[in-house]
Protein backbone atom coordinates (compact mmCIF):
# COMPACT_ATOMS: atom_id res chain seq x y z
CA MET A 1 41.09 -91.55 39.93
CA SER A 2 38.08 -90.83 41.98
CA SER A 3 35.55 -88.63 39.95
CA THR A 4 34.38 -85.37 40.57
CA PHE A 5 30.26 -84.36 40.63
CA SER A 6 29.29 -81.46 39.47
CA TYR A 7 25.77 -80.14 39.18
CA THR A 8 24.10 -76.66 37.61
CA THR A 9 20.48 -75.59 36.37
CA ALA A 10 18.78 -72.63 37.61
CA PHE A 11 15.55 -71.79 38.78
CA MET A 12 13.05 -69.13 39.99
CA LEU A 13 12.29 -67.25 43.56
CA ASP A 14 8.68 -67.19 42.81
CA ARG A 15 5.34 -67.04 44.69
CA ALA A 16 5.79 -71.10 44.61
CA HIS A 17 8.73 -71.72 44.91
CA PHE A 18 8.42 -69.84 48.39
CA GLY A 19 5.70 -71.43 49.41
CA GLU A 20 7.39 -75.23 49.03
CA CYS A 21 10.73 -73.55 51.00
CA TYR A 22 8.09 -72.20 53.72
CA ASP A 23 6.32 -75.53 54.00
CA GLN A 24 9.33 -78.06 53.10
CA SER A 25 11.52 -76.42 56.10
CA ARG A 26 8.67 -74.91 59.16
CA VAL A 27 8.96 -76.83 62.78
CA LYS A 28 5.37 -77.27 63.35
CA ASP A 29 3.89 -76.20 66.85
CA SER A 30 0.43 -76.54 67.76
CA SER A 31 0.69 -75.40 71.06
CA LEU A 32 0.66 -71.72 72.81
CA LYS A 33 4.53 -70.76 73.27
CA PRO A 34 3.96 -68.65 69.54
CA TYR A 35 1.31 -66.48 71.28
CA TYR A 36 2.91 -65.92 74.10
CA LYS A 37 3.85 -62.84 72.78
CA ALA A 38 0.49 -61.27 72.14
CA ILE A 39 -0.55 -61.99 74.60
CA ALA A 40 1.37 -60.58 77.30
CA LEU A 41 1.42 -57.31 74.66
CA PHE A 42 -2.51 -57.90 75.45
CA VAL A 43 -2.44 -58.78 78.52
CA PHE A 44 -1.00 -55.72 79.64
CA GLY A 45 -2.21 -53.00 77.15
CA VAL A 46 -5.65 -53.94 79.23
CA VAL A 47 -4.17 -54.31 83.08
CA LEU A 48 -2.49 -50.64 82.10
CA LEU A 49 -6.02 -49.38 80.78
CA MET A 50 -7.16 -50.38 83.39
CA THR A 51 -5.24 -48.98 86.48
CA THR A 52 -4.05 -45.58 84.73
CA ASP A 53 -6.62 -42.27 85.16
CA SER A 54 -4.51 -40.27 82.23
CA ASN A 55 -4.32 -41.01 78.23
CA HIS A 56 -5.15 -44.11 77.45
CA TYR A 57 -3.24 -44.11 73.79
CA ILE A 58 -0.94 -45.54 75.14
CA SER A 59 -3.35 -48.70 76.60
CA PHE A 60 -4.39 -49.19 72.63
CA PHE A 61 -1.63 -49.32 71.31
CA VAL A 62 -0.33 -52.16 73.14
CA VAL A 63 -3.23 -53.93 73.26
CA ALA A 64 -3.44 -52.84 69.16
CA LEU A 65 0.31 -54.53 68.83
CA GLY A 66 -0.61 -57.45 70.47
CA VAL A 67 -3.60 -58.16 68.47
CA LEU A 68 -1.45 -56.92 65.09
CA GLU A 69 0.54 -59.80 67.18
CA ALA A 70 -2.01 -62.89 67.67
CA THR A 71 -2.39 -62.25 63.95
CA SER A 72 0.90 -62.23 62.29
CA THR A 73 1.06 -65.39 63.79
CA TYR A 74 -1.85 -66.92 63.17
CA TYR A 75 -1.23 -66.24 59.43
CA HIS A 76 2.02 -67.04 59.36
CA ARG A 77 2.46 -68.01 56.47
CA THR A 78 1.15 -65.54 54.75
CA TRP A 79 2.64 -62.56 56.62
CA TRP A 80 5.93 -65.19 55.86
CA LEU A 81 5.21 -65.00 51.87
CA TRP A 82 3.99 -60.75 51.82
CA ARG A 83 7.80 -60.36 53.28
CA GLN A 84 9.68 -63.11 50.39
CA MET A 85 7.81 -61.46 47.43
CA LEU A 86 8.44 -57.79 49.11
CA SER A 87 11.56 -58.27 48.71
CA LYS A 88 14.25 -57.16 46.07
CA ALA A 89 15.31 -61.47 44.87
CA SER A 90 11.71 -62.20 44.36
CA ASN A 91 11.60 -63.32 40.88
CA SER A 92 14.33 -63.83 40.12
CA GLU A 93 16.45 -66.09 38.40
CA ILE A 94 19.07 -68.49 40.93
CA ASN A 95 21.68 -69.94 39.82
CA LEU A 96 22.25 -73.40 41.84
CA VAL A 97 25.92 -74.76 41.45
CA ILE A 98 26.43 -78.77 44.01
CA ASP A 99 30.07 -79.61 43.24
CA GLN A 100 32.61 -80.66 45.70
CA GLU A 101 33.62 -77.60 47.21
CA GLY A 102 29.59 -76.78 48.84
CA ILE A 103 25.50 -75.51 47.56
CA THR A 104 26.49 -72.63 45.30
CA THR A 105 23.69 -70.28 45.17
CA LYS A 106 24.17 -67.15 42.37
CA SER A 107 21.20 -64.31 41.35
CA PHE A 108 21.57 -60.38 40.44
CA HIS A 109 21.33 -59.70 44.45
CA VAL A 110 22.48 -62.74 46.32
CA ASN A 111 25.61 -65.19 45.96
CA ASN A 112 26.30 -67.42 48.79
CA GLN A 113 27.61 -70.66 49.53
CA ILE A 114 27.98 -73.49 51.84
CA ILE A 115 30.24 -75.78 51.56
CA TRP A 116 30.11 -79.32 53.02
CA ALA A 117 31.90 -78.93 56.20
CA ALA A 118 29.42 -76.06 57.28
CA VAL A 119 26.98 -78.55 57.22
CA SER A 120 25.91 -80.20 60.53
CA ARG A 121 22.16 -82.07 59.61
CA ILE A 122 20.71 -83.23 56.26
CA ASP A 123 17.03 -84.35 56.11
CA LYS A 124 15.41 -85.47 53.24
CA THR A 125 11.88 -83.99 53.63
CA ASP A 126 8.67 -84.59 51.10
CA GLN A 127 9.99 -82.42 47.50
CA GLY A 128 13.53 -81.02 48.54
CA VAL A 129 16.21 -81.76 50.89
CA LEU A 130 16.87 -79.52 53.81
CA LEU A 131 20.54 -78.05 55.11
CA HIS A 132 21.31 -76.92 58.53
CA HIS A 133 23.92 -75.83 59.04
CA THR A 134 26.73 -73.12 60.67
CA LYS A 135 24.42 -69.77 59.62
CA GLY A 136 20.12 -71.13 59.28
CA LYS A 137 18.82 -73.48 57.21
CA SER A 138 18.73 -73.80 53.39
CA TYR A 139 15.81 -75.84 51.19
CA ILE A 140 16.78 -76.85 47.99
CA SER A 141 13.44 -77.91 46.10
CA ASP A 142 13.74 -81.40 44.48
CA SER A 143 12.53 -79.92 41.45
CA CYS A 144 14.94 -78.14 40.14
CA LEU A 145 17.44 -81.30 40.78
CA SER A 146 18.05 -84.39 39.47
CA ASP A 147 18.39 -88.01 41.54
CA GLN A 148 21.83 -88.10 41.00
CA ALA A 149 22.44 -84.67 42.88
CA ILE A 150 19.54 -85.60 45.50
CA GLU A 151 22.31 -88.59 46.44
CA PHE A 152 25.17 -86.29 46.21
CA ILE A 153 23.65 -84.32 48.66
CA THR A 154 22.42 -86.98 51.22
CA SER A 155 25.60 -88.64 51.03
CA HIS A 156 27.84 -85.73 52.56
CA HIS A 157 25.42 -86.57 55.29
CA HIS A 158 27.77 -86.29 58.47
């Protein structure tokens, strides 16, 4: 007789949780590649400014977009956290259920299920588990998981 595993817990989507999710799931890129769009906008705006004799408002607008894009890239974590904290799900309680079918998250605003067949890769990070699935990536913090739940999740690695 096979035993079935089921684990249920709850956690808050607060600033600390969002920060941990960002830090543990972010792909670090120290090259200039993230800044390419900002550089292109800035250069295009300067070229417009230097080559057109008429209204310069569009040129300054494109330059400002380039500066804004560079700022949002440089402060990406802060920018991302700010957007998450403005979302309707911020500071709400999430109920997490891990069982034989998959991982289910339920709240007042969102009900989501990731079935095990949709998970292509599972990465254990310093502070949690990162699931790669057909709809993207999902992070689950170790702070809301038992050792048995972590072992159960990582055992589903293909």
